[in-house]
C-alpha atoms as a PDB file:
ATOM      1  CA  UNK A   1     -46.171 193.940  55.745  1.00  0.00           C
ATOM      2  CA  UNK A   2     -43.829 193.407  58.687  1.00  0.00           C
ATOM      3  CA  UNK A   3     -44.435 196.862  59.821  1.00  0.00           C
ATOM      4  CA  UNK A   4     -48.120 196.108  60.156  1.00  0.00           C
ATOM      5  CA  UNK A   5     -47.610 192.897  61.709  1.00  0.00           C
ATOM      6  CA  UNK A   6     -45.349 194.891  64.030  1.00  0.00           C
ATOM      7  CA  UNK A   7     -48.102 197.368  65.059  1.00  0.00           C
ATOM      8  CA  UNK A   8     -50.564 194.575  65.784  1.00  0.00           C
ATOM      9  CA  UNK A   9     -51.086 194.813  69.727  1.00  0.00           C
ATOM     10  CA  UNK A  10     -51.842 191.977  72.609  1.00  0.00           C
ATOM     11  CA  UNK A  11     -55.276 193.008  73.023  1.00  0.00           C
ATOM     12  CA  UNK A  12     -55.914 192.638  69.365  1.00  0.00           C
ATOM     13  CA  UNK A  13     -54.791 188.958  69.223  1.00  0.00           C
ATOM     14  CA  UNK A  14     -56.679 188.418  72.198  1.00  0.00           C
ATOM     15  CA  UNK A  15     -59.898 189.518  70.327  1.00  0.00           C
ATOM     16  CA  UNK A  16     -59.310 187.871  67.365  1.00  0.00           C
ATOM     17  CA  UNK A  17     -58.749 184.577  69.420  1.00  0.00           C
ATOM     18  CA  UNK A  18     -61.683 184.649  71.479  1.00  0.00           C
ATOM     19  CA  UNK A  19     -63.608 185.570  67.974  1.00  0.00           C
ATOM     20  CA  UNK A  20     -62.372 182.248  66.854  1.00  0.00           C
ATOM     21  CA  UNK A  21     -63.297 180.218  70.145  1.00  0.00           C
ATOM     22  CA  UNK A  22     -66.644 181.549  70.456  1.00  0.00           C
ATOM     23  CA  UNK A  23     -67.079 180.813  66.438  1.00  0.00           C
ATOM     24  CA  UNK A  24     -66.369 177.366  67.161  1.00  0.00           C
ATOM     25  CA  UNK A  25     -68.114 177.068  70.530  1.00  0.00           C
ATOM     26  CA  UNK A  26     -71.573 177.857  68.717  1.00  0.00           C
ATOM     27  CA  UNK A  27     -70.624 174.967  65.977  1.00  0.00           C
ATOM     28  CA  UNK A  28     -69.630 172.827  68.888  1.00  0.00           C
ATOM     29  CA  UNK A  29     -72.601 173.731  71.171  1.00  0.00           C
ATOM     30  CA  UNK A  30     -75.162 172.967  68.281  1.00  0.00           C
ATOM     31  CA  UNK A  31     -73.086 169.768  67.678  1.00  0.00           C
ATOM     32  CA  UNK A  32     -73.528 168.931  71.405  1.00  0.00           C
ATOM     33  CA  UNK A  33     -77.214 169.743  71.366  1.00  0.00           C
ATOM     34  CA  UNK A  34     -77.816 167.294  68.578  1.00  0.00           C
ATOM     35  CA  UNK A  35     -76.215 164.330  70.234  1.00  0.00           C
ATOM     36  CA  UNK A  36     -77.999 165.190  73.344  1.00  0.00           C
ATOM     37  CA  UNK A  37     -76.363 166.534  76.003  1.00  0.00           C
ATOM     38  CA  UNK A  38     -78.517 165.011  79.171  1.00  0.00           C
ATOM     39  CA  UNK A  39     -77.797 162.366  81.447  1.00  0.00           C
ATOM     40  CA  UNK A  40     -79.164 158.963  80.356  1.00  0.00           C
ATOM     41  CA  UNK A  41     -79.817 155.726  82.719  1.00  0.00           C
ATOM     42  CA  UNK A  42     -76.287 154.416  82.035  1.00  0.00           C
ATOM     43  CA  UNK A  43     -74.580 157.532  82.407  1.00  0.00           C
ATOM     44  CA  UNK A  44     -73.525 160.652  80.314  1.00  0.00           C
ATOM     45  CA  UNK A  45     -75.424 160.958  76.848  1.00  0.00           C
ATOM     46  CA  UNK A  46     -72.904 161.353  73.673  1.00  0.00           C
ATOM     47  CA  UNK A  47     -73.248 165.001  73.675  1.00  0.00           C
ATOM     48  CA  UNK A  48     -72.719 165.836  77.497  1.00  0.00           C
ATOM     49  CA  UNK A  49     -68.923 166.350  77.170  1.00  0.00           C
ATOM     50  CA  UNK A  50     -68.860 168.251  74.148  1.00  0.00           C
ATOM     51  CA  UNK A  51     -71.722 170.399  75.939  1.00  0.00           C
ATOM     52  CA  UNK A  52     -69.514 170.986  79.053  1.00  0.00           C
ATOM     53  CA  UNK A  53     -66.338 171.393  77.116  1.00  0.00           C
ATOM     54  CA  UNK A  54     -68.147 173.979  75.005  1.00  0.00           C
ATOM     55  CA  UNK A  55     -69.655 176.035  77.915  1.00  0.00           C
ATOM     56  CA  UNK A  56     -66.307 176.171  79.738  1.00  0.00           C
ATOM     57  CA  UNK A  57     -64.558 177.175  76.068  1.00  0.00           C
ATOM     58  CA  UNK A  58     -66.983 179.766  75.384  1.00  0.00           C
ATOM     59  CA  UNK A  59     -67.181 181.097  79.254  1.00  0.00           C
ATOM     60  CA  UNK A  60     -63.488 181.398  79.335  1.00  0.00           C
ATOM     61  CA  UNK A  61     -63.425 183.273  75.690  1.00  0.00           C
ATOM     62  CA  UNK A  62     -66.126 185.773  77.275  1.00  0.00           C
ATOM     63  CA  UNK A  63     -64.208 185.995  80.311  1.00  0.00           C
ATOM     64  CA  UNK A  64     -60.871 187.138  78.288  1.00  0.00           C
ATOM     65  CA  UNK A  65     -63.036 189.737  76.121  1.00  0.00           C
ATOM     66  CA  UNK A  66     -64.386 191.195  79.466  1.00  0.00           C
ATOM     67  CA  UNK A  67     -60.684 191.458  80.806  1.00  0.00           C
ATOM     68  CA  UNK A  68     -59.101 192.981  77.931  1.00  0.00           C
ATOM     69  CA  UNK A  69     -62.209 195.266  77.510  1.00  0.00           C
ATOM     70  CA  UNK A  70     -61.588 196.429  81.092  1.00  0.00           C
ATOM     71  CA  UNK A  71     -57.790 196.633  80.828  1.00  0.00           C
ATOM     72  CA  UNK A  72     -56.367 196.078  77.005  1.00  0.00           C
ATOM     73  CA  UNK A  73     -52.930 195.226  76.937  1.00  0.00           C
ATOM     74  CA  UNK A  74     -51.708 197.515  74.270  1.00  0.00           C
ATOM     75  CA  UNK A  75     -48.253 196.272  74.113  1.00  0.00           C
ATOM     76  CA  UNK A  76     -47.388 194.917  70.454  1.00  0.00           C
ATOM     77  CA  UNK A  77     -47.849 191.300  69.928  1.00  0.00           C
ATOM     78  CA  UNK A  78     -44.634 190.811  67.707  1.00  0.00           C
ATOM     79  CA  UNK A  79     -41.423 192.784  69.381  1.00  0.00           C
ATOM     80  CA  UNK A  80     -39.398 192.008  66.469  1.00  0.00           C
ATOM     81  CA  UNK A  81     -39.805 190.546  63.092  1.00  0.00           C
ATOM     82  CA  UNK A  82     -37.998 187.625  64.078  1.00  0.00           C
ATOM     83  CA  UNK A  83     -40.969 186.356  65.745  1.00  0.00           C
ATOM     84  CA  UNK A  84     -43.128 186.404  62.740  1.00  0.00           C
ATOM     85  CA  UNK A  85     -40.427 184.168  61.163  1.00  0.00           C
ATOM     86  CA  UNK A  86     -40.791 181.761  64.203  1.00  0.00           C
ATOM     87  CA  UNK A  87     -44.309 181.522  64.073  1.00  0.00           C
ATOM     88  CA  UNK A  88     -44.448 181.048  60.540  1.00  0.00           C
ATOM     89  CA  UNK A  89     -41.822 178.200  61.340  1.00  0.00           C
ATOM     90  CA  UNK A  90     -44.225 176.813  63.723  1.00  0.00           C
ATOM     91  CA  UNK A  91     -47.298 176.884  61.735  1.00  0.00           C
ATOM     92  CA  UNK A  92     -46.109 175.444  58.585  1.00  0.00           C
ATOM     93  CA  UNK A  93     -45.831 171.964  59.613  1.00  0.00           C
ATOM     94  CA  UNK A  94     -49.097 172.228  61.517  1.00  0.00           C
ATOM     95  CA  UNK A  95     -50.491 173.582  58.559  1.00  0.00           C
ATOM     96  CA  UNK A  96     -48.866 170.552  56.510  1.00  0.00           C
ATOM     97  CA  UNK A  97     -49.881 167.948  58.817  1.00  0.00           C
ATOM     98  CA  UNK A  98     -53.697 169.109  58.701  1.00  0.00           C
ATOM     99  CA  UNK A  99     -53.299 169.193  54.909  1.00  0.00           C
ATOM    100  CA  UNK A 100     -52.322 165.119  54.573  1.00  0.00           C
ATOM    101  CA  UNK A 101     -54.002 163.944  57.734  1.00  0.00           C
ATOM    102  CA  UNK A 102     -57.073 162.935  55.717  1.00  0.00           C
ATOM    103  CA  UNK A 103     -54.875 160.497  53.401  1.00  0.00           C
ATOM    104  CA  UNK A 104     -51.952 159.523  55.828  1.00  0.00           C
ATOM    105  CA  UNK A 105     -54.029 158.933  59.152  1.00  0.00           C
ATOM    106  CA  UNK A 106     -53.121 160.036  62.563  1.00  0.00           C
ATOM    107  CA  UNK A 107     -50.112 157.872  62.757  1.00  0.00           C
ATOM    108  CA  UNK A 108     -48.308 158.527  59.650  1.00  0.00           C
ATOM    109  CA  UNK A 109     -48.868 162.208  60.184  1.00  0.00           C
ATOM    110  CA  UNK A 110     -47.757 162.554  63.514  1.00  0.00           C
ATOM    111  CA  UNK A 111     -44.485 160.527  62.294  1.00  0.00           C
ATOM    112  CA  UNK A 112     -43.695 162.787  59.705  1.00  0.00           C
ATOM    113  CA  UNK A 113     -44.834 165.909  61.517  1.00  0.00           C
ATOM    114  CA  UNK A 114     -42.381 165.025  64.669  1.00  0.00           C
ATOM    115  CA  UNK A 115     -39.587 163.983  62.131  1.00  0.00           C
ATOM    116  CA  UNK A 116     -39.598 167.319  60.117  1.00  0.00           C
ATOM    117  CA  UNK A 117     -40.304 169.396  62.738  1.00  0.00           C
ATOM    118  CA  UNK A 118     -36.993 167.598  64.582  1.00  0.00           C
ATOM    119  CA  UNK A 119     -34.864 168.424  61.939  1.00  0.00           C
ATOM    120  CA  UNK A 120     -35.718 171.696  60.457  1.00  0.00           C
ATOM    121  CA  UNK A 121     -36.973 173.969  63.292  1.00  0.00           C
ATOM    122  CA  UNK A 122     -35.361 171.743  66.438  1.00  0.00           C
ATOM    123  CA  UNK A 123     -31.916 171.532  64.305  1.00  0.00           C
ATOM    124  CA  UNK A 124     -31.575 167.608  65.378  1.00  0.00           C
ATOM    125  CA  UNK A 125     -29.481 165.635  63.205  1.00  0.00           C
ATOM    126  CA  UNK A 126     -31.470 163.807  60.154  1.00  0.00           C
ATOM    127  CA  UNK A 127     -30.912 160.379  61.917  1.00  0.00           C
ATOM    128  CA  UNK A 128     -32.812 161.482  64.799  1.00  0.00           C
ATOM    129  CA  UNK A 129     -35.524 162.867  63.210  1.00  0.00           C
ATOM    130  CA  UNK A 130     -35.977 159.351  61.657  1.00  0.00           C
ATOM    131  CA  UNK A 131     -36.133 157.637  65.096  1.00  0.00           C
ATOM    132  CA  UNK A 132     -38.822 160.161  66.001  1.00  0.00           C
ATOM    133  CA  UNK A 133     -40.648 159.697  62.467  1.00  0.00           C
ATOM    134  CA  UNK A 134     -40.588 155.748  63.308  1.00  0.00           C
ATOM    135  CA  UNK A 135     -41.078 155.960  66.993  1.00  0.00           C
ATOM    136  CA  UNK A 136     -43.962 158.049  67.396  1.00  0.00           C
ATOM    137  CA  UNK A 137     -46.135 156.713  65.179  1.00  0.00           C
ATOM    138  CA  UNK A 138     -45.400 153.255  66.666  1.00  0.00           C
ATOM    139  CA  UNK A 139     -46.157 154.121  70.303  1.00  0.00           C
ATOM    140  CA  UNK A 140     -49.106 155.741  69.318  1.00  0.00           C
ATOM    141  CA  UNK A 141     -50.350 153.018  67.857  1.00  0.00           C
ATOM    142  CA  UNK A 142     -49.319 150.479  70.533  1.00  0.00           C
ATOM    143  CA  UNK A 143     -51.024 152.908  72.971  1.00  0.00           C
ATOM    144  CA  UNK A 144     -54.176 153.974  71.570  1.00  0.00           C
ATOM    145  CA  UNK A 145     -55.049 150.964  69.234  1.00  0.00           C
ATOM    146  CA  UNK A 146     -53.765 147.977  71.345  1.00  0.00           C
ATOM    147  CA  UNK A 147     -53.351 149.462  74.598  1.00  0.00           C
ATOM    148  CA  UNK A 148     -56.697 151.633  75.086  1.00  0.00           C
ATOM    149  CA  UNK A 149     -58.612 149.919  71.945  1.00  0.00           C
ATOM    150  CA  UNK A 150     -59.364 153.479  70.658  1.00  0.00           C
ATOM    151  CA  UNK A 151     -59.902 153.797  66.884  1.00  0.00           C
ATOM    152  CA  UNK A 152     -57.823 156.612  65.395  1.00  0.00           C
ATOM    153  CA  UNK A 153     -58.337 157.562  61.597  1.00  0.00           C
ATOM    154  CA  UNK A 154     -56.270 155.477  59.565  1.00  0.00           C
ATOM    155  CA  UNK A 155     -54.073 156.030  56.369  1.00  0.00           C
ATOM    156  CA  UNK A 156     -54.976 155.242  53.071  1.00  0.00           C
ATOM    157  CA  UNK A 157     -52.159 152.470  53.056  1.00  0.00           C
ATOM    158  CA  UNK A 158     -53.974 150.966  56.036  1.00  0.00           C
ATOM    159  CA  UNK A 159     -57.248 150.712  53.957  1.00  0.00           C
ATOM    160  CA  UNK A 160     -55.809 149.102  51.061  1.00  0.00           C
ATOM    161  CA  UNK A 161     -54.075 146.463  53.526  1.00  0.00           C
ATOM    162  CA  UNK A 162     -50.512 147.716  52.642  1.00  0.00           C
ATOM    163  CA  UNK A 163     -49.667 149.008  56.400  1.00  0.00           C
ATOM    164  CA  UNK A 164     -50.994 148.268  59.677  1.00  0.00           C
ATOM    165  CA  UNK A 165     -51.642 151.763  60.529  1.00  0.00           C
END
């Protein structure tokens, strides 16, 4: 398995990422059209900014595909097997955060993510991880909810009245 991963080239990975971006672009483009991408009497319609961002994202992906087609980079994406391990170490907490986000909300998820990542990958002492785990959600909550009045996904504890986040 490792030898296969070490044979993947930069060009192949660029094509894979561009295909993912183009696939997401199709979905986001349809959503932007559903919301209305125009400009109304009071300013941009709800789908205007997603429409513009989708155009930029898919345009960038298409330019990358074209440049990669013109001059492909055949260097290996992973130079040594340790890079694969590092990628897994970075991706594992992200996957975990995505899995618990629906239940834990954005603030608790961010705290657990940063605390775990600090201790596991960053090799911080456990108490600094605990500080990050508590400080980040509090700062995010204060800035987003109280400062800018931006509602974010809350945890199941908020919905039952057990926590303010």
